């Protein structure tokens, strides 16, 4: 893929198959799962004609969601 495509590949609804059934959500969903849920990183490197490489790095333990501070308050 070209550098222009690689720069946009994780954007929601970005697709190179517009009008052919592509929604452009697969990599966006993957990116959000890796970064927001698992606390990792996802990056892509690509050279036209040589293919693409996706680097996914995730920690051994996923971050725990923060407790809602409002739920810790006592009610009187």
PDB file of N, CA and C in Angstrom:
ATOM      1  N   UNK A   1       0.840  -1.175   0.000  1.00  0.00           N
ATOM      2  CA  UNK A   1       0.000   0.000   0.000  1.00  0.00           C
ATOM      3  C   UNK A   1       0.884   1.238   0.000  1.00  0.00           C
ATOM      4  N   UNK A   2       0.341   2.300  -0.499  1.00  0.00           N
ATOM      5  CA  UNK A   2       1.099   3.543  -0.536  1.00  0.00           C
ATOM      6  C   UNK A   2       1.189   4.148   0.867  1.00  0.00           C
ATOM      7  N   UNK A   3       2.096   5.073   1.074  1.00  0.00           N
ATOM      8  CA  UNK A   3       2.235   5.725   2.375  1.00  0.00           C
ATOM      9  C   UNK A   3       0.970   6.485   2.739  1.00  0.00           C
ATOM     10  N   UNK A   4       0.299   7.083   1.747  1.00  0.00           N
ATOM     11  CA  UNK A   4      -0.952   7.803   2.000  1.00  0.00           C
ATOM     12  C   UNK A   4      -2.013   6.874   2.573  1.00  0.00           C
ATOM     13  N   UNK A   5      -2.128   5.677   2.017  1.00  0.00           N
ATOM     14  CA  UNK A   5      -3.086   4.696   2.524  1.00  0.00           C
ATOM     15  C   UNK A   5      -2.663   4.233   3.911  1.00  0.00           C
ATOM     16  N   UNK A   6      -1.381   3.926   4.107  1.00  0.00           N
ATOM     17  CA  UNK A   6      -0.886   3.465   5.408  1.00  0.00           C
ATOM     18  C   UNK A   6      -1.145   4.499   6.500  1.00  0.00           C
ATOM     19  N   UNK A   7      -1.051   5.778   6.158  1.00  0.00           N
ATOM     20  CA  UNK A   7      -1.289   6.840   7.140  1.00  0.00           C
ATOM     21  C   UNK A   7      -2.748   6.917   7.571  1.00  0.00           C
ATOM     22  N   UNK A   8      -3.656   6.418   6.756  1.00  0.00           N
ATOM     23  CA  UNK A   8      -5.089   6.526   7.046  1.00  0.00           C
ATOM     24  C   UNK A   8      -5.741   5.199   7.407  1.00  0.00           C
ATOM     25  N   UNK A   9      -5.003   4.106   7.340  1.00  0.00           N
ATOM     26  CA  UNK A   9      -5.573   2.764   7.404  1.00  0.00           C
ATOM     27  C   UNK A   9      -6.393   2.487   8.669  1.00  0.00           C
ATOM     28  N   UNK A  10      -6.079   3.110   9.794  1.00  0.00           N
ATOM     29  CA  UNK A  10      -6.834   2.830  11.018  1.00  0.00           C
ATOM     30  C   UNK A  10      -7.982   3.811  11.236  1.00  0.00           C
ATOM     31  N   UNK A  11      -8.128   4.813  10.378  1.00  0.00           N
ATOM     32  CA  UNK A  11      -9.229   5.758  10.514  1.00  0.00           C
ATOM     33  C   UNK A  11     -10.558   5.064  10.257  1.00  0.00           C
ATOM     34  N   UNK A  12     -11.581   5.381  11.069  1.00  0.00           N
ATOM     35  CA  UNK A  12     -12.880   4.742  10.832  1.00  0.00           C
ATOM     36  C   UNK A  12     -13.433   5.128   9.461  1.00  0.00           C
ATOM     37  N   UNK A  13     -13.976   4.137   8.800  1.00  0.00           N
ATOM     38  CA  UNK A  13     -14.643   4.274   7.497  1.00  0.00           C
ATOM     39  C   UNK A  13     -13.688   4.571   6.351  1.00  0.00           C
ATOM     40  N   UNK A  14     -12.377   4.506   6.571  1.00  0.00           N
ATOM     41  CA  UNK A  14     -11.442   4.636   5.459  1.00  0.00           C
ATOM     42  C   UNK A  14     -11.387   3.300   4.732  1.00  0.00           C
ATOM     43  N   UNK A  15     -11.597   3.320   3.443  1.00  0.00           N
ATOM     44  CA  UNK A  15     -11.537   2.100   2.652  1.00  0.00           C
ATOM     45  C   UNK A  15     -11.021   2.401   1.255  1.00  0.00           C
ATOM     46  N   UNK A  16     -10.343   1.439   0.685  1.00  0.00           N
ATOM     47  CA  UNK A  16      -9.920   1.537  -0.710  1.00  0.00           C
ATOM     48  C   UNK A  16     -10.906   0.792  -1.602  1.00  0.00           C
ATOM     49  N   UNK A  17     -11.959   0.231  -1.002  1.00  0.00           N
ATOM     50  CA  UNK A  17     -12.963  -0.533  -1.738  1.00  0.00           C
ATOM     51  C   UNK A  17     -14.335   0.130  -1.663  1.00  0.00           C
ATOM     52  N   UNK A  18     -14.368   1.439  -1.737  1.00  0.00           N
ATOM     53  CA  UNK A  18     -15.624   2.171  -1.681  1.00  0.00           C
ATOM     54  C   UNK A  18     -16.550   1.698  -2.801  1.00  0.00           C
ATOM     55  N   UNK A  19     -17.781   1.392  -2.444  1.00  0.00           N
ATOM     56  CA  UNK A  19     -18.762   0.916  -3.418  1.00  0.00           C
ATOM     57  C   UNK A  19     -18.632  -0.561  -3.748  1.00  0.00           C
ATOM     58  N   UNK A  20     -17.690  -1.253  -3.100  1.00  0.00           N
ATOM     59  CA  UNK A  20     -17.490  -2.680  -3.347  1.00  0.00           C
ATOM     60  C   UNK A  20     -17.701  -3.506  -2.081  1.00  0.00           C
ATOM     61  N   UNK A  21     -18.376  -2.937  -1.104  1.00  0.00           N
ATOM     62  CA  UNK A  21     -18.682  -3.670   0.118  1.00  0.00           C
ATOM     63  C   UNK A  21     -17.722  -3.430   1.270  1.00  0.00           C
ATOM     64  N   UNK A  22     -16.670  -2.656   1.063  1.00  0.00           N
ATOM     65  CA  UNK A  22     -15.735  -2.376   2.158  1.00  0.00           C
ATOM     66  C   UNK A  22     -16.263  -1.270   3.044  1.00  0.00           C
ATOM     67  N   UNK A  23     -16.252  -1.500   4.367  1.00  0.00           N
ATOM     68  CA  UNK A  23     -16.755  -0.475   5.291  1.00  0.00           C
ATOM     69  C   UNK A  23     -15.637   0.346   5.916  1.00  0.00           C
ATOM     70  N   UNK A  24     -14.423  -0.182   5.936  1.00  0.00           N
ATOM     71  CA  UNK A  24     -13.317   0.546   6.535  1.00  0.00           C
ATOM     72  C   UNK A  24     -13.323   0.523   8.046  1.00  0.00           C
ATOM     73  N   UNK A  25     -13.918  -0.502   8.645  1.00  0.00           N
ATOM     74  CA  UNK A  25     -13.979  -0.557  10.104  1.00  0.00           C
ATOM     75  C   UNK A  25     -13.083  -1.626  10.717  1.00  0.00           C
ATOM     76  N   UNK A  26     -12.644  -2.605   9.955  1.00  0.00           N
ATOM     77  CA  UNK A  26     -11.909  -3.727  10.547  1.00  0.00           C
ATOM     78  C   UNK A  26     -10.650  -3.296  11.279  1.00  0.00           C
ATOM     79  N   UNK A  27      -9.794  -2.525  10.637  1.00  0.00           N
ATOM     80  CA  UNK A  27      -8.558  -2.114  11.309  1.00  0.00           C
ATOM     81  C   UNK A  27      -8.817  -1.083  12.397  1.00  0.00           C
ATOM     82  N   UNK A  28      -9.854  -0.276  12.238  1.00  0.00           N
ATOM     83  CA  UNK A  28     -10.208   0.678  13.282  1.00  0.00           C
ATOM     84  C   UNK A  28     -10.647  -0.065  14.547  1.00  0.00           C
ATOM     85  N   UNK A  29     -11.458  -1.091  14.387  1.00  0.00           N
ATOM     86  CA  UNK A  29     -11.894  -1.895  15.530  1.00  0.00           C
ATOM     87  C   UNK A  29     -10.702  -2.606  16.156  1.00  0.00           C
ATOM     88  N   UNK A  30      -9.821  -3.153  15.331  1.00  0.00           N
ATOM     89  CA  UNK A  30      -8.622  -3.825  15.838  1.00  0.00           C
ATOM     90  C   UNK A  30      -7.738  -2.846  16.611  1.00  0.00           C
ATOM     91  N   UNK A  31      -7.533  -1.662  16.050  1.00  0.00           N
ATOM     92  CA  UNK A  31      -6.713  -0.642  16.697  1.00  0.00           C
ATOM     93  C   UNK A  31      -7.295  -0.272  18.063  1.00  0.00           C
ATOM     94  N   UNK A  32      -8.603  -0.054  18.122  1.00  0.00           N
ATOM     95  CA  UNK A  32      -9.237   0.306  19.395  1.00  0.00           C
ATOM     96  C   UNK A  32      -9.123  -0.817  20.421  1.00  0.00           C
ATOM     97  N   UNK A  33      -9.281  -2.056  19.989  1.00  0.00           N
ATOM     98  CA  UNK A  33      -9.154  -3.181  20.920  1.00  0.00           C
ATOM     99  C   UNK A  33      -7.736  -3.271  21.476  1.00  0.00           C
ATOM    100  N   UNK A  34      -6.754  -3.141  20.616  1.00  0.00           N
ATOM    101  CA  UNK A  34      -5.357  -3.250  21.051  1.00  0.00           C
ATOM    102  C   UNK A  34      -4.968  -2.088  21.948  1.00  0.00           C
ATOM    103  N   UNK A  35      -5.322  -0.863  21.569  1.00  0.00           N
ATOM    104  CA  UNK A  35      -4.862   0.300  22.326  1.00  0.00           C
ATOM    105  C   UNK A  35      -5.734   0.614  23.535  1.00  0.00           C
ATOM    106  N   UNK A  36      -7.036   0.631  23.367  1.00  0.00           N
ATOM    107  CA  UNK A  36      -7.924   1.048  24.455  1.00  0.00           C
ATOM    108  C   UNK A  36      -8.256  -0.065  25.436  1.00  0.00           C
ATOM    109  N   UNK A  37      -8.472  -1.273  24.946  1.00  0.00           N
ATOM    110  CA  UNK A  37      -8.865  -2.370  25.828  1.00  0.00           C
ATOM    111  C   UNK A  37      -7.641  -3.070  26.413  1.00  0.00           C
ATOM    112  N   UNK A  38      -6.667  -3.360  25.562  1.00  0.00           N
ATOM    113  CA  UNK A  38      -5.513  -4.140  26.002  1.00  0.00           C
ATOM    114  C   UNK A  38      -4.321  -3.296  26.437  1.00  0.00           C
ATOM    115  N   UNK A  39      -4.342  -1.998  26.155  1.00  0.00           N
ATOM    116  CA  UNK A  39      -3.256  -1.115  26.568  1.00  0.00           C
ATOM    117  C   UNK A  39      -1.986  -1.273  25.757  1.00  0.00           C
ATOM    118  N   UNK A  40      -2.117  -1.701  24.517  1.00  0.00           N
ATOM    119  CA  UNK A  40      -0.950  -1.925  23.674  1.00  0.00           C
ATOM    120  C   UNK A  40      -0.826  -0.915  22.557  1.00  0.00           C
ATOM    121  N   UNK A  41      -0.064  -1.292  21.543  1.00  0.00           N
ATOM    122  CA  UNK A  41       0.130  -0.447  20.370  1.00  0.00           C
ATOM    123  C   UNK A  41      -0.050  -1.276  19.109  1.00  0.00           C
ATOM    124  N   UNK A  42      -0.469  -0.617  18.034  1.00  0.00           N
ATOM    125  CA  UNK A  42      -0.594  -1.251  16.730  1.00  0.00           C
ATOM    126  C   UNK A  42      -0.049  -0.271  15.707  1.00  0.00           C
ATOM    127  N   UNK A  43       0.880  -0.723  14.881  1.00  0.00           N
ATOM    128  CA  UNK A  43       1.435   0.137  13.843  1.00  0.00           C
ATOM    129  C   UNK A  43       1.579  -0.673  12.560  1.00  0.00           C
ATOM    130  N   UNK A  44       1.692   0.039  11.455  1.00  0.00           N
ATOM    131  CA  UNK A  44       1.839  -0.609  10.152  1.00  0.00           C
ATOM    132  C   UNK A  44       3.013   0.003   9.406  1.00  0.00           C
ATOM    133  N   UNK A  45       3.747  -0.859   8.721  1.00  0.00           N
ATOM    134  CA  UNK A  45       4.816  -0.420   7.828  1.00  0.00           C
ATOM    135  C   UNK A  45       4.546  -1.078   6.482  1.00  0.00           C
ATOM    136  N   UNK A  46       4.656  -0.313   5.411  1.00  0.00           N
ATOM    137  CA  UNK A  46       4.334  -0.856   4.104  1.00  0.00           C
ATOM    138  C   UNK A  46       5.196  -0.228   3.027  1.00  0.00           C
ATOM    139  N   UNK A  47       5.604  -1.057   2.104  1.00  0.00           N
ATOM    140  CA  UNK A  47       6.318  -0.601   0.918  1.00  0.00           C
ATOM    141  C   UNK A  47       5.569  -1.161  -0.285  1.00  0.00           C
ATOM    142  N   UNK A  48       5.109  -0.297  -1.184  1.00  0.00           N
ATOM    143  CA  UNK A  48       4.393  -0.793  -2.355  1.00  0.00           C
ATOM    144  C   UNK A  48       5.203  -1.874  -3.085  1.00  0.00           C
ATOM    145  N   UNK A  49       4.548  -2.991  -3.349  1.00  0.00           N
ATOM    146  CA  UNK A  49       5.185  -4.109  -4.032  1.00  0.00           C
ATOM    147  C   UNK A  49       5.871  -5.092  -3.101  1.00  0.00           C
ATOM    148  N   UNK A  50       6.129  -4.683  -1.842  1.00  0.00           N
ATOM    149  CA  UNK A  50       6.808  -5.562  -0.889  1.00  0.00           C
ATOM    150  C   UNK A  50       5.875  -6.094   0.192  1.00  0.00           C
ATOM    151  N   UNK A  51       4.643  -5.617   0.248  1.00  0.00           N
ATOM    152  CA  UNK A  51       3.713  -6.065   1.278  1.00  0.00           C
ATOM    153  C   UNK A  51       3.681  -5.128   2.470  1.00  0.00           C
ATOM    154  N   UNK A  52       2.919  -5.545   3.462  1.00  0.00           N
ATOM    155  CA  UNK A  52       2.730  -4.728   4.667  1.00  0.00           C
ATOM    156  C   UNK A  52       3.021  -5.567   5.897  1.00  0.00           C
ATOM    157  N   UNK A  53       3.492  -4.907   6.935  1.00  0.00           N
ATOM    158  CA  UNK A  53       3.749  -5.571   8.209  1.00  0.00           C
ATOM    159  C   UNK A  53       3.024  -4.811   9.310  1.00  0.00           C
ATOM    160  N   UNK A  54       2.269  -5.538  10.112  1.00  0.00           N
ATOM    161  CA  UNK A  54       1.564  -4.952  11.240  1.00  0.00           C
ATOM    162  C   UNK A  54       2.279  -5.388  12.510  1.00  0.00           C
ATOM    163  N   UNK A  55       2.607  -4.434  13.352  1.00  0.00           N
ATOM    164  CA  UNK A  55       3.283  -4.707  14.617  1.00  0.00           C
ATOM    165  C   UNK A  55       2.284  -4.463  15.733  1.00  0.00           C
ATOM    166  N   UNK A  56       1.947  -5.527  16.460  1.00  0.00           N
ATOM    167  CA  UNK A  56       1.018  -5.442  17.585  1.00  0.00           C
ATOM    168  C   UNK A  56       1.798  -5.789  18.845  1.00  0.00           C
ATOM    169  N   UNK A  57       1.803  -4.870  19.792  1.00  0.00           N
ATOM    170  CA  UNK A  57       2.472  -5.088  21.068  1.00  0.00           C
ATOM    171  C   UNK A  57       1.447  -4.900  22.173  1.00  0.00           C
ATOM    172  N   UNK A  58       1.309  -5.920  23.019  1.00  0.00           N
ATOM    173  CA  UNK A  58       0.369  -5.825  24.136  1.00  0.00           C
ATOM    174  C   UNK A  58       1.078  -6.243  25.425  1.00  0.00           C
ATOM    175  N   UNK A  59       0.692  -5.634  26.539  1.00  0.00           N
ATOM    176  CA  UNK A  59       1.301  -6.004  27.815  1.00  0.00           C
ATOM    177  C   UNK A  59       0.800  -7.380  28.270  1.00  0.00           C
ATOM    178  N   UNK A  60       1.535  -8.012  29.167  1.00  0.00           N
ATOM    179  CA  UNK A  60       1.117  -9.312  29.687  1.00  0.00           C
ATOM    180  C   UNK A  60      -0.205  -9.217  30.440  1.00  0.00           C
ATOM    181  N   UNK A  61      -0.439  -8.088  31.091  1.00  0.00           N
ATOM    182  CA  UNK A  61      -1.694  -7.860  31.811  1.00  0.00           C
ATOM    183  C   UNK A  61      -2.365  -6.622  31.242  1.00  0.00           C
ATOM    184  N   UNK A  62      -3.620  -6.770  30.879  1.00  0.00           N
ATOM    185  CA  UNK A  62      -4.369  -5.624  30.374  1.00  0.00           C
ATOM    186  C   UNK A  62      -4.645  -4.663  31.520  1.00  0.00           C
ATOM    187  N   UNK A  63      -4.685  -3.365  31.221  1.00  0.00           N
ATOM    188  CA  UNK A  63      -4.995  -2.400  32.287  1.00  0.00           C
ATOM    189  C   UNK A  63      -6.413  -2.614  32.800  1.00  0.00           C
ATOM    190  N   UNK A  64      -6.583  -2.360  34.065  1.00  0.00           N
ATOM    191  CA  UNK A  64      -7.904  -2.492  34.673  1.00  0.00           C
ATOM    192  C   UNK A  64      -8.668  -1.188  34.502  1.00  0.00           C
ATOM    193  N   UNK A  65      -9.968  -1.281  34.238  1.00  0.00           N
ATOM    194  CA  UNK A  65     -10.747  -0.039  34.122  1.00  0.00           C
ATOM    195  C   UNK A  65     -10.733   0.730  35.433  1.00  0.00           C
ATOM    196  N   UNK A  66     -10.680   2.050  35.320  1.00  0.00           N
ATOM    197  CA  UNK A  66     -10.712   2.892  36.514  1.00  0.00           C
ATOM    198  C   UNK A  66     -12.058   2.746  37.198  1.00  0.00           C
ATOM    199  N   UNK A  67     -12.031   2.777  38.516  1.00  0.00           N
ATOM    200  CA  UNK A  67     -13.281   2.780  39.259  1.00  0.00           C
ATOM    201  C   UNK A  67     -13.956   4.112  39.042  1.00  0.00           C
ATOM    202  N   UNK A  68     -15.262   4.112  39.006  1.00  0.00           N
ATOM    203  CA  UNK A  68     -16.032   5.337  38.872  1.00  0.00           C
ATOM    204  C   UNK A  68     -15.962   6.090  40.200  1.00  0.00           C
ATOM    205  N   UNK A  69     -15.325   7.271  40.229  1.00  0.00           N
ATOM    206  CA  UNK A  69     -15.198   8.012  41.489  1.00  0.00           C
ATOM    207  C   UNK A  69     -16.552   8.337  42.110  1.00  0.00           C
ATOM    208  N   UNK A  70     -17.565   8.504  41.323  1.00  0.00           N
ATOM    209  CA  UNK A  70     -18.886   8.830  41.864  1.00  0.00           C
ATOM    210  C   UNK A  70     -19.443   7.674  42.672  1.00  0.00           C
ATOM    211  N   UNK A  71     -19.055   6.450  42.328  1.00  0.00           N
ATOM    212  CA  UNK A  71     -19.592   5.296  43.051  1.00  0.00           C
ATOM    213  C   UNK A  71     -18.921   5.139  44.416  1.00  0.00           C
ATOM    214  N   UNK A  72     -17.784   5.814  44.647  1.00  0.00           N
ATOM    215  CA  UNK A  72     -17.074   5.744  45.922  1.00  0.00           C
ATOM    216  C   UNK A  72     -17.617   6.734  46.944  1.00  0.00           C
ATOM    217  N   UNK A  73     -18.414   7.697  46.487  1.00  0.00           N
ATOM    218  CA  UNK A  73     -18.930   8.706  47.402  1.00  0.00           C
ATOM    219  C   UNK A  73     -20.027   8.129  48.269  1.00  0.00           C
ATOM    220  N   UNK A  74     -20.004   8.544  49.505  1.00  0.00           N
ATOM    221  CA  UNK A  74     -21.070   8.116  50.422  1.00  0.00           C
ATOM    222  C   UNK A  74     -22.299   8.965  50.193  1.00  0.00           C
ATOM    223  N   UNK A  75     -23.441   8.329  50.306  1.00  0.00           N
ATOM    224  CA  UNK A  75     -24.688   9.083  50.201  1.00  0.00           C
ATOM    225  C   UNK A  75     -25.204   9.346  51.609  1.00  0.00           C
ATOM    226  N   UNK A  76     -25.718  10.548  51.816  1.00  0.00           N
ATOM    227  CA  UNK A  76     -26.225  10.895  53.147  1.00  0.00           C
ATOM    228  C   UNK A  76     -27.672  11.256  53.077  1.00  0.00           C
TER     229      UNK A  76
END
